[in-house]
Amino acid sequence: MGMLTEFKEFAMRGNVIDLAVGVVIGAAFGKIVTALVEKIIMPPLGYLIGRVDFSSLAWTLSPAHLGPDGKEIPAVVVGYGDFINTIIQFVIVAFAIFIVVKAINRLSRKQEAAPAAPAEEVVLLREIRDSLKK
């Protein structure tokens, strides 16, 4: 079997295609959550706690200055505001995934809980049993 044929069989398996679709949808969902956090959730939250823009929060370790050769050396900054935004994004994504999994589990439980109709032979045997009891 040639390598091209093996690759074709591998790529056309359902699991690989499902994984690819999941990755693409996950990337799009990530962009939606990023926009939700940065543009909708964080501005009111920053306003409520003192008109703070979390993305601009930073701790400056060393300010920018000119080096001996006259070139500007940039400041050394720890941007903890972006870290806060990322944590909030993670919590929102985790909660959204939890809700989706919970809904899927509820649907699968309902399908499993539905009792199957008894076979025709079982129904006939029950009728015979009931008629014999009379």
C-alpha atoms as a PDB file:
ATOM      1  CA  MET A   1       0.000   0.000   0.000  1.00  0.00           C
ATOM      2  CA  GLY A   2       1.452   3.328  -1.011  1.00  0.00           C
ATOM      3  CA  MET A   3       1.982   6.192   1.367  1.00  0.00           C
ATOM      4  CA  LEU A   4      -0.493   8.368  -0.539  1.00  0.00           C
ATOM      5  CA  THR A   5      -3.206   5.704  -0.209  1.00  0.00           C
ATOM      6  CA  GLU A   6      -2.533   5.305   3.512  1.00  0.00           C
ATOM      7  CA  PHE A   7      -2.667   9.056   4.022  1.00  0.00           C
ATOM      8  CA  LYS A   8      -5.958   9.250   2.120  1.00  0.00           C
ATOM      9  CA  GLU A   9      -7.471   6.518   4.321  1.00  0.00           C
ATOM     10  CA  PHE A  10      -6.208   8.273   7.442  1.00  0.00           C
ATOM     11  CA  ALA A  11      -7.488  11.707   6.409  1.00  0.00           C
ATOM     12  CA  MET A  12     -10.906  10.402   5.412  1.00  0.00           C
ATOM     13  CA  ARG A  13     -11.621   8.679   8.713  1.00  0.00           C
ATOM     14  CA  GLY A  14     -14.521  10.213  10.558  1.00  0.00           C
ATOM     15  CA  ASN A  15     -12.489  10.983  13.670  1.00  0.00           C
ATOM     16  CA  VAL A  16      -9.935  13.091  11.820  1.00  0.00           C
ATOM     17  CA  ILE A  17     -12.601  15.115  10.033  1.00  0.00           C
ATOM     18  CA  ASP A  18     -14.559  15.573  13.281  1.00  0.00           C
ATOM     19  CA  LEU A  19     -11.386  16.747  15.008  1.00  0.00           C
ATOM     20  CA  ALA A  20     -10.669  19.246  12.228  1.00  0.00           C
ATOM     21  CA  VAL A  21     -14.198  20.636  12.448  1.00  0.00           C
ATOM     22  CA  GLY A  22     -13.871  20.877  16.233  1.00  0.00           C
ATOM     23  CA  VAL A  23     -10.597  22.792  15.985  1.00  0.00           C
ATOM     24  CA  VAL A  24     -12.039  25.283  13.489  1.00  0.00           C
ATOM     25  CA  ILE A  25     -15.195  25.829  15.544  1.00  0.00           C
ATOM     26  CA  GLY A  26     -13.110  26.075  18.723  1.00  0.00           C
ATOM     27  CA  ALA A  27     -10.917  28.786  17.187  1.00  0.00           C
ATOM     28  CA  ALA A  28     -13.980  30.755  16.104  1.00  0.00           C
ATOM     29  CA  PHE A  29     -15.552  30.308  19.551  1.00  0.00           C
ATOM     30  CA  GLY A  30     -12.330  31.563  21.131  1.00  0.00           C
ATOM     31  CA  LYS A  31     -12.511  34.759  19.078  1.00  0.00           C
ATOM     32  CA  ILE A  32     -16.118  35.268  20.125  1.00  0.00           C
ATOM     33  CA  VAL A  33     -15.229  34.830  23.794  1.00  0.00           C
ATOM     34  CA  THR A  34     -12.244  37.174  23.479  1.00  0.00           C
ATOM     35  CA  ALA A  35     -14.451  39.867  21.982  1.00  0.00           C
ATOM     36  CA  LEU A  36     -17.103  39.250  24.649  1.00  0.00           C
ATOM     37  CA  VAL A  37     -14.603  39.641  27.483  1.00  0.00           C
ATOM     38  CA  GLU A  38     -12.619  42.570  26.074  1.00  0.00           C
ATOM     39  CA  LYS A  39     -15.484  44.607  24.599  1.00  0.00           C
ATOM     40  CA  ILE A  40     -18.548  43.775  26.710  1.00  0.00           C
ATOM     41  CA  ILE A  41     -17.633  42.359  30.134  1.00  0.00           C
ATOM     42  CA  MET A  42     -14.409  44.138  31.074  1.00  0.00           C
ATOM     43  CA  PRO A  43     -15.400  47.796  30.375  1.00  0.00           C
ATOM     44  CA  PRO A  44     -18.363  47.798  32.807  1.00  0.00           C
ATOM     45  CA  LEU A  45     -16.372  45.772  35.342  1.00  0.00           C
ATOM     46  CA  GLY A  46     -13.469  48.216  35.146  1.00  0.00           C
ATOM     47  CA  TYR A  47     -15.898  51.130  35.461  1.00  0.00           C
ATOM     48  CA  LEU A  48     -17.482  49.621  38.564  1.00  0.00           C
ATOM     49  CA  ILE A  49     -14.151  49.184  40.360  1.00  0.00           C
ATOM     50  CA  GLY A  50     -12.798  52.631  39.677  1.00  0.00           C
ATOM     51  CA  ARG A  51     -12.748  53.272  35.941  1.00  0.00           C
ATOM     52  CA  VAL A  52      -9.876  50.887  35.385  1.00  0.00           C
ATOM     53  CA  ASP A  53      -8.996  49.395  31.995  1.00  0.00           C
ATOM     54  CA  PHE A  54      -7.627  45.978  32.930  1.00  0.00           C
ATOM     55  CA  SER A  55      -5.620  45.621  29.729  1.00  0.00           C
ATOM     56  CA  SER A  56      -3.566  48.680  30.695  1.00  0.00           C
ATOM     57  CA  LEU A  57      -2.746  47.467  34.209  1.00  0.00           C
ATOM     58  CA  ALA A  58       0.966  46.806  34.495  1.00  0.00           C
ATOM     59  CA  TRP A  59       3.822  46.817  36.953  1.00  0.00           C
ATOM     60  CA  THR A  60       6.914  48.610  35.684  1.00  0.00           C
ATOM     61  CA  LEU A  61      10.130  46.938  36.810  1.00  0.00           C
ATOM     62  CA  SER A  62      12.450  49.277  34.954  1.00  0.00           C
ATOM     63  CA  PRO A  63      11.379  52.477  33.156  1.00  0.00           C
ATOM     64  CA  ALA A  64      12.426  53.204  29.607  1.00  0.00           C
ATOM     65  CA  HIS A  65      15.714  55.052  29.325  1.00  0.00           C
ATOM     66  CA  LEU A  66      18.468  55.977  26.887  1.00  0.00           C
ATOM     67  CA  GLY A  67      21.419  53.648  26.618  1.00  0.00           C
ATOM     68  CA  PRO A  68      25.070  54.753  26.405  1.00  0.00           C
ATOM     69  CA  ASP A  69      24.850  54.669  22.609  1.00  0.00           C
ATOM     70  CA  GLY A  70      21.819  56.984  22.552  1.00  0.00           C
ATOM     71  CA  LYS A  71      19.272  54.296  21.667  1.00  0.00           C
ATOM     72  CA  GLU A  72      16.128  54.032  23.713  1.00  0.00           C
ATOM     73  CA  ILE A  73      15.935  50.936  25.914  1.00  0.00           C
ATOM     74  CA  PRO A  74      12.273  49.985  26.392  1.00  0.00           C
ATOM     75  CA  ALA A  75      10.716  49.632  29.817  1.00  0.00           C
ATOM     76  CA  VAL A  76      10.526  46.244  31.494  1.00  0.00           C
ATOM     77  CA  VAL A  77       6.841  45.787  32.312  1.00  0.00           C
ATOM     78  CA  VAL A  78       4.760  42.972  33.830  1.00  0.00           C
ATOM     79  CA  GLY A  79       1.309  43.246  32.220  1.00  0.00           C
ATOM     80  CA  TYR A  80      -0.916  41.620  34.824  1.00  0.00           C
ATOM     81  CA  GLY A  81      -4.043  43.273  33.384  1.00  0.00           C
ATOM     82  CA  ASP A  82      -3.857  41.103  30.264  1.00  0.00           C
ATOM     83  CA  PHE A  83      -3.435  38.112  32.568  1.00  0.00           C
ATOM     84  CA  ILE A  84      -6.652  39.045  34.385  1.00  0.00           C
ATOM     85  CA  ASN A  85      -8.449  39.309  31.021  1.00  0.00           C
ATOM     86  CA  THR A  86      -7.136  35.881  30.022  1.00  0.00           C
ATOM     87  CA  ILE A  87      -8.315  34.309  33.284  1.00  0.00           C
ATOM     88  CA  ILE A  88     -11.804  35.762  32.797  1.00  0.00           C
ATOM     89  CA  GLN A  89     -11.858  34.454  29.223  1.00  0.00           C
ATOM     90  CA  PHE A  90     -10.882  30.997  30.470  1.00  0.00           C
ATOM     91  CA  VAL A  91     -13.659  30.996  33.070  1.00  0.00           C
ATOM     92  CA  ILE A  92     -16.233  32.008  30.448  1.00  0.00           C
ATOM     93  CA  VAL A  93     -15.056  29.322  27.996  1.00  0.00           C
ATOM     94  CA  ALA A  94     -15.022  26.668  30.727  1.00  0.00           C
ATOM     95  CA  PHE A  95     -18.543  27.644  31.808  1.00  0.00           C
ATOM     96  CA  ALA A  96     -19.814  27.590  28.216  1.00  0.00           C
ATOM     97  CA  ILE A  97     -18.317  24.136  27.646  1.00  0.00           C
ATOM     98  CA  PHE A  98     -19.821  22.964  30.958  1.00  0.00           C
ATOM     99  CA  ILE A  99     -23.282  24.134  29.824  1.00  0.00           C
ATOM    100  CA  VAL A 100     -22.931  22.392  26.442  1.00  0.00           C
ATOM    101  CA  VAL A 101     -21.736  19.114  28.017  1.00  0.00           C
ATOM    102  CA  LYS A 102     -24.502  19.292  30.611  1.00  0.00           C
ATOM    103  CA  ALA A 103     -27.120  19.713  27.869  1.00  0.00           C
ATOM    104  CA  ILE A 104     -25.690  16.812  25.870  1.00  0.00           C
ATOM    105  CA  ASN A 105     -25.651  14.591  28.963  1.00  0.00           C
ATOM    106  CA  ARG A 106     -29.269  15.505  29.729  1.00  0.00           C
ATOM    107  CA  LEU A 107     -30.317  14.611  26.187  1.00  0.00           C
ATOM    108  CA  SER A 108     -28.446  11.305  26.249  1.00  0.00           C
ATOM    109  CA  ARG A 109     -30.006  10.386  29.623  1.00  0.00           C
ATOM    110  CA  LYS A 110     -33.495  11.027  28.251  1.00  0.00           C
ATOM    111  CA  GLN A 111     -32.818   8.764  25.292  1.00  0.00           C
ATOM    112  CA  GLU A 112     -31.457   6.013  27.530  1.00  0.00           C
ATOM    113  CA  ALA A 113     -34.325   6.328  30.021  1.00  0.00           C
ATOM    114  CA  ALA A 114     -37.020   5.731  27.431  1.00  0.00           C
ATOM    115  CA  PRO A 115     -38.159   2.130  27.923  1.00  0.00           C
ATOM    116  CA  ALA A 116     -38.069  -0.011  24.844  1.00  0.00           C
ATOM    117  CA  ALA A 117     -41.337  -1.580  23.742  1.00  0.00           C
ATOM    118  CA  PRO A 118     -41.431  -5.296  24.527  1.00  0.00           C
ATOM    119  CA  ALA A 119     -40.961  -7.706  21.678  1.00  0.00           C
ATOM    120  CA  GLU A 120     -44.062  -9.154  19.997  1.00  0.00           C
ATOM    121  CA  GLU A 121     -43.332 -12.599  21.427  1.00  0.00           C
ATOM    122  CA  VAL A 122     -43.243 -11.180  24.947  1.00  0.00           C
ATOM    123  CA  VAL A 123     -46.590  -9.456  24.437  1.00  0.00           C
ATOM    124  CA  LEU A 124     -48.152 -12.691  23.138  1.00  0.00           C
ATOM    125  CA  LEU A 125     -46.738 -14.707  26.040  1.00  0.00           C
ATOM    126  CA  ARG A 126     -48.123 -12.184  28.508  1.00  0.00           C
ATOM    127  CA  GLU A 127     -51.559 -12.415  26.911  1.00  0.00           C
ATOM    128  CA  ILE A 128     -51.439 -16.216  27.134  1.00  0.00           C
ATOM    129  CA  ARG A 129     -50.320 -16.036  30.771  1.00  0.00           C
ATOM    130  CA  ASP A 130     -53.113 -13.615  31.635  1.00  0.00           C
ATOM    131  CA  SER A 131     -55.738 -15.725  29.876  1.00  0.00           C
ATOM    132  CA  LEU A 132     -54.543 -18.839  31.716  1.00  0.00           C
ATOM    133  CA  LYS A 133     -54.810 -17.067  35.059  1.00  0.00           C
ATOM    134  CA  LYS A 134     -58.513 -16.435  34.389  1.00  0.00           C
END
